[in-house]
Amino acid sequence: MPICCRISCDDWAEAQCRAILDNVRKAMKPTSRLLIVEMVLPEGDAPHPGKMIDLLMLVTTGGQERSESEYRQLLDSSGFQLTRVVPTRSAVSIVEATVA
């Protein structure tokens, strides 16, 4: 059975988030899944409540909300492969990744 790990990525600056993901990847088994439960911003200039939270995260923690393509880039740089983004009934989505 795959082991899941749930982390938060919006509280951290890019370099810190990458370091966290690197450590998580090292601890994962090849069959494990990484679940990131966060708002996933729409691409482009479409309005979205997460864009205000993006500004708040930048000012308070140095972090950011991300679009699917930004998550893909971040995960790729840390040795993961984004497998899917699952929308929920709430404002957050579940970003699923596996070890690349």
PDB file of N, CA and C in Angstrom:
ATOM      1  N   MET A   1       0.846  -1.182   0.000  1.00  0.00           N
ATOM      2  CA  MET A   1       0.000   0.000   0.000  1.00  0.00           C
ATOM      3  C   MET A   1       0.891   1.245   0.000  1.00  0.00           C
ATOM      4  N   PRO A   2       0.585   2.237  -0.869  1.00  0.00           N
ATOM      5  CA  PRO A   2       1.393   3.462  -0.901  1.00  0.00           C
ATOM      6  C   PRO A   2       1.272   4.247   0.402  1.00  0.00           C
ATOM      7  N   ILE A   3       2.331   4.909   0.752  1.00  0.00           N
ATOM      8  CA  ILE A   3       2.339   5.788   1.911  1.00  0.00           C
ATOM      9  C   ILE A   3       2.166   7.212   1.407  1.00  0.00           C
ATOM     10  N   CYS A   4       1.311   7.974   2.067  1.00  0.00           N
ATOM     11  CA  CYS A   4       1.062   9.364   1.669  1.00  0.00           C
ATOM     12  C   CYS A   4       1.715  10.311   2.662  1.00  0.00           C
ATOM     13  N   CYS A   5       2.130  11.445   2.166  1.00  0.00           N
ATOM     14  CA  CYS A   5       2.693  12.507   2.991  1.00  0.00           C
ATOM     15  C   CYS A   5       1.981  13.785   2.613  1.00  0.00           C
ATOM     16  N   ARG A   6       1.485  14.525   3.579  1.00  0.00           N
ATOM     17  CA  ARG A   6       0.784  15.778   3.314  1.00  0.00           C
ATOM     18  C   ARG A   6       1.641  16.923   3.825  1.00  0.00           C
ATOM     19  N   ILE A   7       1.978  17.878   2.951  1.00  0.00           N
ATOM     20  CA  ILE A   7       2.765  19.038   3.356  1.00  0.00           C
ATOM     21  C   ILE A   7       2.065  20.312   2.913  1.00  0.00           C
ATOM     22  N   SER A   8       2.514  21.431   3.445  1.00  0.00           N
ATOM     23  CA  SER A   8       2.031  22.742   3.028  1.00  0.00           C
ATOM     24  C   SER A   8       3.157  23.434   2.272  1.00  0.00           C
ATOM     25  N   CYS A   9       2.845  23.989   1.115  1.00  0.00           N
ATOM     26  CA  CYS A   9       3.869  24.654   0.309  1.00  0.00           C
ATOM     27  C   CYS A   9       3.708  26.168   0.273  1.00  0.00           C
ATOM     28  N   ASP A  10       2.564  26.684   0.671  1.00  0.00           N
ATOM     29  CA  ASP A  10       2.360  28.121   0.496  1.00  0.00           C
ATOM     30  C   ASP A  10       3.011  28.965   1.584  1.00  0.00           C
ATOM     31  N   ASP A  11       3.426  28.361   2.682  1.00  0.00           N
ATOM     32  CA  ASP A  11       4.028  29.105   3.787  1.00  0.00           C
ATOM     33  C   ASP A  11       5.519  29.381   3.586  1.00  0.00           C
ATOM     34  N   TRP A  12       6.110  28.833   2.553  1.00  0.00           N
ATOM     35  CA  TRP A  12       7.552  28.860   2.417  1.00  0.00           C
ATOM     36  C   TRP A  12       7.995  29.522   1.123  1.00  0.00           C
ATOM     37  N   ALA A  13       9.140  30.210   1.188  1.00  0.00           N
ATOM     38  CA  ALA A  13       9.768  30.744  -0.020  1.00  0.00           C
ATOM     39  C   ALA A  13      10.213  29.569  -0.883  1.00  0.00           C
ATOM     40  N   GLU A  14      10.463  29.830  -2.144  1.00  0.00           N
ATOM     41  CA  GLU A  14      10.778  28.777  -3.116  1.00  0.00           C
ATOM     42  C   GLU A  14      11.932  27.870  -2.661  1.00  0.00           C
ATOM     43  N   ALA A  15      13.035  28.458  -2.219  1.00  0.00           N
ATOM     44  CA  ALA A  15      14.200  27.662  -1.809  1.00  0.00           C
ATOM     45  C   ALA A  15      13.879  26.794  -0.588  1.00  0.00           C
ATOM     46  N   GLN A  16      13.145  27.339   0.369  1.00  0.00           N
ATOM     47  CA  GLN A  16      12.773  26.567   1.556  1.00  0.00           C
ATOM     48  C   GLN A  16      11.819  25.435   1.186  1.00  0.00           C
ATOM     49  N   CYS A  17      10.872  25.732   0.333  1.00  0.00           N
ATOM     50  CA  CYS A  17       9.917  24.721  -0.105  1.00  0.00           C
ATOM     51  C   CYS A  17      10.646  23.596  -0.842  1.00  0.00           C
ATOM     52  N   ARG A  18      11.588  23.943  -1.678  1.00  0.00           N
ATOM     53  CA  ARG A  18      12.359  22.937  -2.400  1.00  0.00           C
ATOM     54  C   ARG A  18      13.160  22.071  -1.426  1.00  0.00           C
ATOM     55  N   ALA A  19      13.742  22.682  -0.386  1.00  0.00           N
ATOM     56  CA  ALA A  19      14.497  21.918   0.618  1.00  0.00           C
ATOM     57  C   ALA A  19      13.577  20.949   1.363  1.00  0.00           C
ATOM     58  N   ILE A  20      12.378  21.405   1.706  1.00  0.00           N
ATOM     59  CA  ILE A  20      11.410  20.524   2.376  1.00  0.00           C
ATOM     60  C   ILE A  20      11.049  19.361   1.454  1.00  0.00           C
ATOM     61  N   LEU A  21      10.746  19.673   0.201  1.00  0.00           N
ATOM     62  CA  LEU A  21      10.383  18.630  -0.761  1.00  0.00           C
ATOM     63  C   LEU A  21      11.537  17.651  -0.988  1.00  0.00           C
ATOM     64  N   ASP A  22      12.756  18.146  -1.028  1.00  0.00           N
ATOM     65  CA  ASP A  22      13.919  17.268  -1.183  1.00  0.00           C
ATOM     66  C   ASP A  22      13.996  16.266  -0.031  1.00  0.00           C
ATOM     67  N   ASN A  23      13.790  16.752   1.191  1.00  0.00           N
ATOM     68  CA  ASN A  23      13.840  15.872   2.361  1.00  0.00           C
ATOM     69  C   ASN A  23      12.688  14.872   2.362  1.00  0.00           C
ATOM     70  N   VAL A  24      11.511  15.328   1.976  1.00  0.00           N
ATOM     71  CA  VAL A  24      10.358  14.427   1.899  1.00  0.00           C
ATOM     72  C   VAL A  24      10.627  13.335   0.861  1.00  0.00           C
ATOM     73  N   ARG A  25      11.141  13.732  -0.309  1.00  0.00           N
ATOM     74  CA  ARG A  25      11.425  12.751  -1.371  1.00  0.00           C
ATOM     75  C   ARG A  25      12.418  11.693  -0.895  1.00  0.00           C
ATOM     76  N   LYS A  26      13.444  12.126  -0.173  1.00  0.00           N
ATOM     77  CA  LYS A  26      14.445  11.175   0.321  1.00  0.00           C
ATOM     78  C   LYS A  26      13.826  10.155   1.278  1.00  0.00           C
ATOM     79  N   ALA A  27      12.789  10.554   1.999  1.00  0.00           N
ATOM     80  CA  ALA A  27      12.149   9.666   2.973  1.00  0.00           C
ATOM     81  C   ALA A  27      11.077   8.780   2.347  1.00  0.00           C
ATOM     82  N   MET A  28      10.695   9.066   1.118  1.00  0.00           N
ATOM     83  CA  MET A  28       9.608   8.333   0.478  1.00  0.00           C
ATOM     84  C   MET A  28      10.102   7.044  -0.176  1.00  0.00           C
ATOM     85  N   LYS A  29       9.190   6.087  -0.264  1.00  0.00           N
ATOM     86  CA  LYS A  29       9.422   4.859  -1.011  1.00  0.00           C
ATOM     87  C   LYS A  29       9.010   5.107  -2.457  1.00  0.00           C
ATOM     88  N   PRO A  30       9.475   4.305  -3.380  1.00  0.00           N
ATOM     89  CA  PRO A  30       9.103   4.502  -4.791  1.00  0.00           C
ATOM     90  C   PRO A  30       7.595   4.454  -5.038  1.00  0.00           C
ATOM     91  N   THR A  31       6.850   3.758  -4.179  1.00  0.00           N
ATOM     92  CA  THR A  31       5.397   3.642  -4.352  1.00  0.00           C
ATOM     93  C   THR A  31       4.612   4.706  -3.586  1.00  0.00           C
ATOM     94  N   SER A  32       5.313   5.574  -2.864  1.00  0.00           N
ATOM     95  CA  SER A  32       4.642   6.595  -2.054  1.00  0.00           C
ATOM     96  C   SER A  32       4.020   7.676  -2.924  1.00  0.00           C
ATOM     97  N   ARG A  33       3.061   8.372  -2.350  1.00  0.00           N
ATOM     98  CA  ARG A  33       2.404   9.511  -2.985  1.00  0.00           C
ATOM     99  C   ARG A  33       2.585  10.721  -2.077  1.00  0.00           C
ATOM    100  N   LEU A  34       2.832  11.859  -2.684  1.00  0.00           N
ATOM    101  CA  LEU A  34       2.897  13.132  -1.966  1.00  0.00           C
ATOM    102  C   LEU A  34       1.603  13.863  -2.246  1.00  0.00           C
ATOM    103  N   LEU A  35       0.919  14.335  -1.200  1.00  0.00           N
ATOM    104  CA  LEU A  35      -0.305  15.099  -1.350  1.00  0.00           C
ATOM    105  C   LEU A  35      -0.083  16.508  -0.811  1.00  0.00           C
ATOM    106  N   ILE A  36      -0.331  17.481  -1.644  1.00  0.00           N
ATOM    107  CA  ILE A  36      -0.237  18.886  -1.247  1.00  0.00           C
ATOM    108  C   ILE A  36      -1.648  19.439  -1.304  1.00  0.00           C
ATOM    109  N   VAL A  37      -2.159  19.896  -0.162  1.00  0.00           N
ATOM    110  CA  VAL A  37      -3.519  20.404  -0.085  1.00  0.00           C
ATOM    111  C   VAL A  37      -3.444  21.921   0.022  1.00  0.00           C
ATOM    112  N   GLU A  38      -3.682  22.590  -1.088  1.00  0.00           N
ATOM    113  CA  GLU A  38      -3.550  24.042  -1.175  1.00  0.00           C
ATOM    114  C   GLU A  38      -4.501  24.578  -2.241  1.00  0.00           C
ATOM    115  N   MET A  39      -4.661  25.897  -2.258  1.00  0.00           N
ATOM    116  CA  MET A  39      -5.347  26.526  -3.373  1.00  0.00           C
ATOM    117  C   MET A  39      -4.464  26.417  -4.596  1.00  0.00           C
ATOM    118  N   VAL A  40      -5.036  26.088  -5.719  1.00  0.00           N
ATOM    119  CA  VAL A  40      -4.300  26.052  -6.984  1.00  0.00           C
ATOM    120  C   VAL A  40      -4.870  27.176  -7.832  1.00  0.00           C
ATOM    121  N   LEU A  41      -4.031  28.150  -8.103  1.00  0.00           N
ATOM    122  CA  LEU A  41      -4.488  29.338  -8.829  1.00  0.00           C
ATOM    123  C   LEU A  41      -4.742  29.023 -10.297  1.00  0.00           C
ATOM    124  N   PRO A  42      -5.746  29.687 -10.886  1.00  0.00           N
ATOM    125  CA  PRO A  42      -5.947  29.517 -12.327  1.00  0.00           C
ATOM    126  C   PRO A  42      -4.810  30.200 -13.090  1.00  0.00           C
ATOM    127  N   GLU A  43      -4.513  29.687 -14.271  1.00  0.00           N
ATOM    128  CA  GLU A  43      -3.490  30.306 -15.113  1.00  0.00           C
ATOM    129  C   GLU A  43      -4.006  31.652 -15.624  1.00  0.00           C
ATOM    130  N   GLY A  44      -3.121  32.571 -15.866  1.00  0.00           N
ATOM    131  CA  GLY A  44      -3.494  33.849 -16.454  1.00  0.00           C
ATOM    132  C   GLY A  44      -4.066  34.836 -15.456  1.00  0.00           C
ATOM    133  N   ASP A  45      -4.892  35.740 -15.979  1.00  0.00           N
ATOM    134  CA  ASP A  45      -5.404  36.856 -15.182  1.00  0.00           C
ATOM    135  C   ASP A  45      -6.818  36.647 -14.653  1.00  0.00           C
ATOM    136  N   ALA A  46      -7.323  35.432 -14.696  1.00  0.00           N
ATOM    137  CA  ALA A  46      -8.682  35.173 -14.202  1.00  0.00           C
ATOM    138  C   ALA A  46      -8.767  35.491 -12.714  1.00  0.00           C
ATOM    139  N   PRO A  47      -9.849  36.127 -12.288  1.00  0.00           N
ATOM    140  CA  PRO A  47     -10.005  36.427 -10.859  1.00  0.00           C
ATOM    141  C   PRO A  47     -10.111  35.132 -10.047  1.00  0.00           C
ATOM    142  N   HIS A  48      -9.552  35.166  -8.846  1.00  0.00           N
ATOM    143  CA  HIS A  48      -9.603  33.999  -7.959  1.00  0.00           C
ATOM    144  C   HIS A  48      -9.292  34.482  -6.548  1.00  0.00           C
ATOM    145  N   PRO A  49     -10.036  34.019  -5.533  1.00  0.00           N
ATOM    146  CA  PRO A  49      -9.763  34.460  -4.154  1.00  0.00           C
ATOM    147  C   PRO A  49      -8.355  34.121  -3.686  1.00  0.00           C
ATOM    148  N   GLY A  50      -7.756  33.086  -4.251  1.00  0.00           N
ATOM    149  CA  GLY A  50      -6.407  32.699  -3.858  1.00  0.00           C
ATOM    150  C   GLY A  50      -5.354  33.732  -4.213  1.00  0.00           C
ATOM    151  N   LYS A  51      -5.684  34.621  -5.139  1.00  0.00           N
ATOM    152  CA  LYS A  51      -4.697  35.637  -5.530  1.00  0.00           C
ATOM    153  C   LYS A  51      -4.493  36.667  -4.421  1.00  0.00           C
ATOM    154  N   MET A  52      -5.534  36.946  -3.645  1.00  0.00           N
ATOM    155  CA  MET A  52      -5.355  37.827  -2.476  1.00  0.00           C
ATOM    156  C   MET A  52      -4.552  37.100  -1.400  1.00  0.00           C
ATOM    157  N   ILE A  53      -4.806  35.822  -1.229  1.00  0.00           N
ATOM    158  CA  ILE A  53      -4.041  35.035  -0.261  1.00  0.00           C
ATOM    159  C   ILE A  53      -2.587  34.936  -0.704  1.00  0.00           C
ATOM    160  N   ASP A  54      -2.369  34.897  -2.018  1.00  0.00           N
ATOM    161  CA  ASP A  54      -1.008  34.890  -2.558  1.00  0.00           C
ATOM    162  C   ASP A  54      -0.244  36.120  -2.074  1.00  0.00           C
ATOM    163  N   LEU A  55      -0.870  37.277  -2.148  1.00  0.00           N
ATOM    164  CA  LEU A  55      -0.225  38.507  -1.659  1.00  0.00           C
ATOM    165  C   LEU A  55       0.019  38.445  -0.158  1.00  0.00           C
ATOM    166  N   LEU A  56      -0.953  37.940   0.574  1.00  0.00           N
ATOM    167  CA  LEU A  56      -0.816  37.812   2.029  1.00  0.00           C
ATOM    168  C   LEU A  56       0.341  36.877   2.386  1.00  0.00           C
ATOM    169  N   MET A  57       0.435  35.755   1.700  1.00  0.00           N
ATOM    170  CA  MET A  57       1.526  34.809   1.972  1.00  0.00           C
ATOM    171  C   MET A  57       2.877  35.438   1.657  1.00  0.00           C
ATOM    172  N   LEU A  58       2.955  36.178   0.572  1.00  0.00           N
ATOM    173  CA  LEU A  58       4.208  36.829   0.190  1.00  0.00           C
ATOM    174  C   LEU A  58       4.668  37.806   1.268  1.00  0.00           C
ATOM    175  N   VAL A  59       3.738  38.595   1.773  1.00  0.00           N
ATOM    176  CA  VAL A  59       4.079  39.632   2.761  1.00  0.00           C
ATOM    177  C   VAL A  59       4.371  39.030   4.137  1.00  0.00           C
ATOM    178  N   THR A  60       3.616  38.011   4.545  1.00  0.00           N
ATOM    179  CA  THR A  60       3.759  37.504   5.915  1.00  0.00           C
ATOM    180  C   THR A  60       4.791  36.390   6.068  1.00  0.00           C
ATOM    181  N   THR A  61       4.915  35.522   5.060  1.00  0.00           N
ATOM    182  CA  THR A  61       5.808  34.367   5.227  1.00  0.00           C
ATOM    183  C   THR A  61       6.866  34.255   4.136  1.00  0.00           C
ATOM    184  N   GLY A  62       6.736  35.045   3.090  1.00  0.00           N
ATOM    185  CA  GLY A  62       7.638  34.905   1.952  1.00  0.00           C
ATOM    186  C   GLY A  62       7.227  33.781   1.025  1.00  0.00           C
ATOM    187  N   GLY A  63       6.086  33.147   1.312  1.00  0.00           N
ATOM    188  CA  GLY A  63       5.587  32.048   0.497  1.00  0.00           C
ATOM    189  C   GLY A  63       4.693  32.549  -0.620  1.00  0.00           C
ATOM    190  N   GLN A  64       3.984  31.614  -1.242  1.00  0.00           N
ATOM    191  CA  GLN A  64       3.101  31.990  -2.333  1.00  0.00           C
ATOM    192  C   GLN A  64       2.104  30.889  -2.636  1.00  0.00           C
ATOM    193  N   GLU A  65       0.987  31.267  -3.215  1.00  0.00           N
ATOM    194  CA  GLU A  65       0.069  30.304  -3.810  1.00  0.00           C
ATOM    195  C   GLU A  65       0.601  30.038  -5.213  1.00  0.00           C
ATOM    196  N   ARG A  66       0.262  28.898  -5.792  1.00  0.00           N
ATOM    197  CA  ARG A  66       0.817  28.527  -7.092  1.00  0.00           C
ATOM    198  C   ARG A  66      -0.261  28.015  -8.035  1.00  0.00           C
ATOM    199  N   SER A  67       0.006  28.141  -9.320  1.00  0.00           N
ATOM    200  CA  SER A  67      -0.843  27.558 -10.354  1.00  0.00           C
ATOM    201  C   SER A  67      -0.394  26.107 -10.573  1.00  0.00           C
ATOM    202  N   GLU A  68      -1.143  25.362 -11.353  1.00  0.00           N
ATOM    203  CA  GLU A  68      -0.747  23.982 -11.636  1.00  0.00           C
ATOM    204  C   GLU A  68       0.624  23.924 -12.305  1.00  0.00           C
ATOM    205  N   SER A  69       0.875  24.819 -13.251  1.00  0.00           N
ATOM    206  CA  SER A  69       2.176  24.797 -13.927  1.00  0.00           C
ATOM    207  C   SER A  69       3.308  25.171 -12.967  1.00  0.00           C
ATOM    208  N   GLU A  70       3.046  26.062 -12.010  1.00  0.00           N
ATOM    209  CA  GLU A  70       4.069  26.409 -11.015  1.00  0.00           C
ATOM    210  C   GLU A  70       4.331  25.233 -10.076  1.00  0.00           C
ATOM    211  N   TYR A  71       3.267  24.508  -9.702  1.00  0.00           N
ATOM    212  CA  TYR A  71       3.473  23.298  -8.892  1.00  0.00           C
ATOM    213  C   TYR A  71       4.275  22.267  -9.677  1.00  0.00           C
ATOM    214  N   ARG A  72       3.962  22.100 -10.956  1.00  0.00           N
ATOM    215  CA  ARG A  72       4.678  21.139 -11.791  1.00  0.00           C
ATOM    216  C   ARG A  72       6.174  21.477 -11.815  1.00  0.00           C
ATOM    217  N   GLN A  73       6.484  22.748 -11.998  1.00  0.00           N
ATOM    218  CA  GLN A  73       7.882  23.203 -12.039  1.00  0.00           C
ATOM    219  C   GLN A  73       8.584  22.951 -10.701  1.00  0.00           C
ATOM    220  N   LEU A  74       7.919  23.329  -9.603  1.00  0.00           N
ATOM    221  CA  LEU A  74       8.482  23.142  -8.268  1.00  0.00           C
ATOM    222  C   LEU A  74       8.725  21.663  -7.990  1.00  0.00           C
ATOM    223  N   LEU A  75       7.740  20.843  -8.290  1.00  0.00           N
ATOM    224  CA  LEU A  75       7.870  19.411  -8.033  1.00  0.00           C
ATOM    225  C   LEU A  75       8.941  18.776  -8.912  1.00  0.00           C
ATOM    226  N   ASP A  76       8.983  19.160 -10.184  1.00  0.00           N
ATOM    227  CA  ASP A  76      10.021  18.646 -11.087  1.00  0.00           C
ATOM    228  C   ASP A  76      11.416  18.965 -10.551  1.00  0.00           C
ATOM    229  N   SER A  77      11.581  20.176 -10.014  1.00  0.00           N
ATOM    230  CA  SER A  77      12.900  20.590  -9.523  1.00  0.00           C
ATOM    231  C   SER A  77      13.316  19.854  -8.252  1.00  0.00           C
ATOM    232  N   SER A  78      12.351  19.167  -7.627  1.00  0.00           N
ATOM    233  CA  SER A  78      12.643  18.424  -6.401  1.00  0.00           C
ATOM    234  C   SER A  78      12.560  16.914  -6.590  1.00  0.00           C
ATOM    235  N   GLY A  79      12.533  16.464  -7.841  1.00  0.00           N
ATOM    236  CA  GLY A  79      12.551  15.034  -8.099  1.00  0.00           C
ATOM    237  C   GLY A  79      11.200  14.351  -8.034  1.00  0.00           C
ATOM    238  N   PHE A  80      10.136  15.121  -8.219  1.00  0.00           N
ATOM    239  CA  PHE A  80       8.785  14.565  -8.226  1.00  0.00           C
ATOM    240  C   PHE A  80       8.168  14.705  -9.609  1.00  0.00           C
ATOM    241  N   GLN A  81       7.094  13.957  -9.814  1.00  0.00           N
ATOM    242  CA  GLN A  81       6.290  14.098 -11.020  1.00  0.00           C
ATOM    243  C   GLN A  81       4.859  14.368 -10.582  1.00  0.00           C
ATOM    244  N   LEU A  82       4.304  15.506 -10.996  1.00  0.00           N
ATOM    245  CA  LEU A  82       2.920  15.827 -10.686  1.00  0.00           C
ATOM    246  C   LEU A  82       2.035  14.855 -11.462  1.00  0.00           C
ATOM    247  N   THR A  83       1.181  14.124 -10.752  1.00  0.00           N
ATOM    248  CA  THR A  83       0.333  13.142 -11.417  1.00  0.00           C
ATOM    249  C   THR A  83      -1.075  13.662 -11.666  1.00  0.00           C
ATOM    250  N   ARG A  84      -1.582  14.492 -10.753  1.00  0.00           N
ATOM    251  CA  ARG A  84      -2.912  15.057 -10.967  1.00  0.00           C
ATOM    252  C   ARG A  84      -3.203  16.137  -9.941  1.00  0.00           C
ATOM    253  N   VAL A  85      -4.177  16.978 -10.286  1.00  0.00           N
ATOM    254  CA  VAL A  85      -4.710  17.980  -9.369  1.00  0.00           C
ATOM    255  C   VAL A  85      -6.193  17.657  -9.222  1.00  0.00           C
ATOM    256  N   VAL A  86      -6.608  17.407  -7.989  1.00  0.00           N
ATOM    257  CA  VAL A  86      -7.988  17.024  -7.721  1.00  0.00           C
ATOM    258  C   VAL A  86      -8.714  18.194  -7.072  1.00  0.00           C
ATOM    259  N   PRO A  87      -9.678  18.801  -7.774  1.00  0.00           N
ATOM    260  CA  PRO A  87     -10.456  19.877  -7.156  1.00  0.00           C
ATOM    261  C   PRO A  87     -11.339  19.299  -6.042  1.00  0.00           C
ATOM    262  N   THR A  88     -11.661  20.116  -5.071  1.00  0.00           N
ATOM    263  CA  THR A  88     -12.584  19.716  -4.008  1.00  0.00           C
ATOM    264  C   THR A  88     -13.743  20.700  -3.983  1.00  0.00           C
ATOM    265  N   ARG A  89     -14.702  20.471  -3.117  1.00  0.00           N
ATOM    266  CA  ARG A  89     -15.832  21.402  -2.986  1.00  0.00           C
ATOM    267  C   ARG A  89     -15.433  22.685  -2.261  1.00  0.00           C
ATOM    268  N   SER A  90     -14.258  22.670  -1.659  1.00  0.00           N
ATOM    269  CA  SER A  90     -13.766  23.855  -0.956  1.00  0.00           C
ATOM    270  C   SER A  90     -12.853  24.654  -1.885  1.00  0.00           C
ATOM    271  N   ALA A  91     -12.176  25.635  -1.340  1.00  0.00           N
ATOM    272  CA  ALA A  91     -11.278  26.483  -2.138  1.00  0.00           C
ATOM    273  C   ALA A  91      -9.948  25.797  -2.453  1.00  0.00           C
ATOM    274  N   VAL A  92      -9.662  24.686  -1.790  1.00  0.00           N
ATOM    275  CA  VAL A  92      -8.384  24.011  -2.004  1.00  0.00           C
ATOM    276  C   VAL A  92      -8.525  22.840  -2.962  1.00  0.00           C
ATOM    277  N   SER A  93      -7.410  22.453  -3.522  1.00  0.00           N
ATOM    278  CA  SER A  93      -7.321  21.258  -4.364  1.00  0.00           C
ATOM    279  C   SER A  93      -6.271  20.343  -3.749  1.00  0.00           C
ATOM    280  N   ILE A  94      -6.237  19.112  -4.228  1.00  0.00           N
ATOM    281  CA  ILE A  94      -5.220  18.173  -3.792  1.00  0.00           C
ATOM    282  C   ILE A  94      -4.270  17.961  -4.967  1.00  0.00           C
ATOM    283  N   VAL A  95      -3.024  18.343  -4.769  1.00  0.00           N
ATOM    284  CA  VAL A  95      -1.983  18.152  -5.774  1.00  0.00           C
ATOM    285  C   VAL A  95      -1.289  16.847  -5.413  1.00  0.00           C
ATOM    286  N   GLU A  96      -1.327  15.884  -6.325  1.00  0.00           N
ATOM    287  CA  GLU A  96      -0.716  14.585  -6.082  1.00  0.00           C
ATOM    288  C   GLU A  96       0.546  14.440  -6.918  1.00  0.00           C
ATOM    289  N   ALA A  97       1.588  13.920  -6.280  1.00  0.00           N
ATOM    290  CA  ALA A  97       2.853  13.710  -6.995  1.00  0.00           C
ATOM    291  C   ALA A  97       3.468  12.396  -6.554  1.00  0.00           C
ATOM    292  N   THR A  98       4.300  11.868  -7.446  1.00  0.00           N
ATOM    293  CA  THR A  98       5.054  10.653  -7.145  1.00  0.00           C
ATOM    294  C   THR A  98       6.537  10.959  -7.309  1.00  0.00           C
ATOM    295  N   VAL A  99       7.363  10.072  -6.797  1.00  0.00           N
ATOM    296  CA  VAL A  99       8.804  10.204  -6.976  1.00  0.00           C
ATOM    297  C   VAL A  99       9.102   9.952  -8.455  1.00  0.00           C
ATOM    298  N   ALA A 100       9.862  10.864  -9.061  1.00  0.00           N
ATOM    299  CA  ALA A 100      10.167  10.739 -10.510  1.00  0.00           C
ATOM    300  C   ALA A 100      11.204   9.678 -10.764  1.00  0.00           C
TER     301      ALA A 100
END
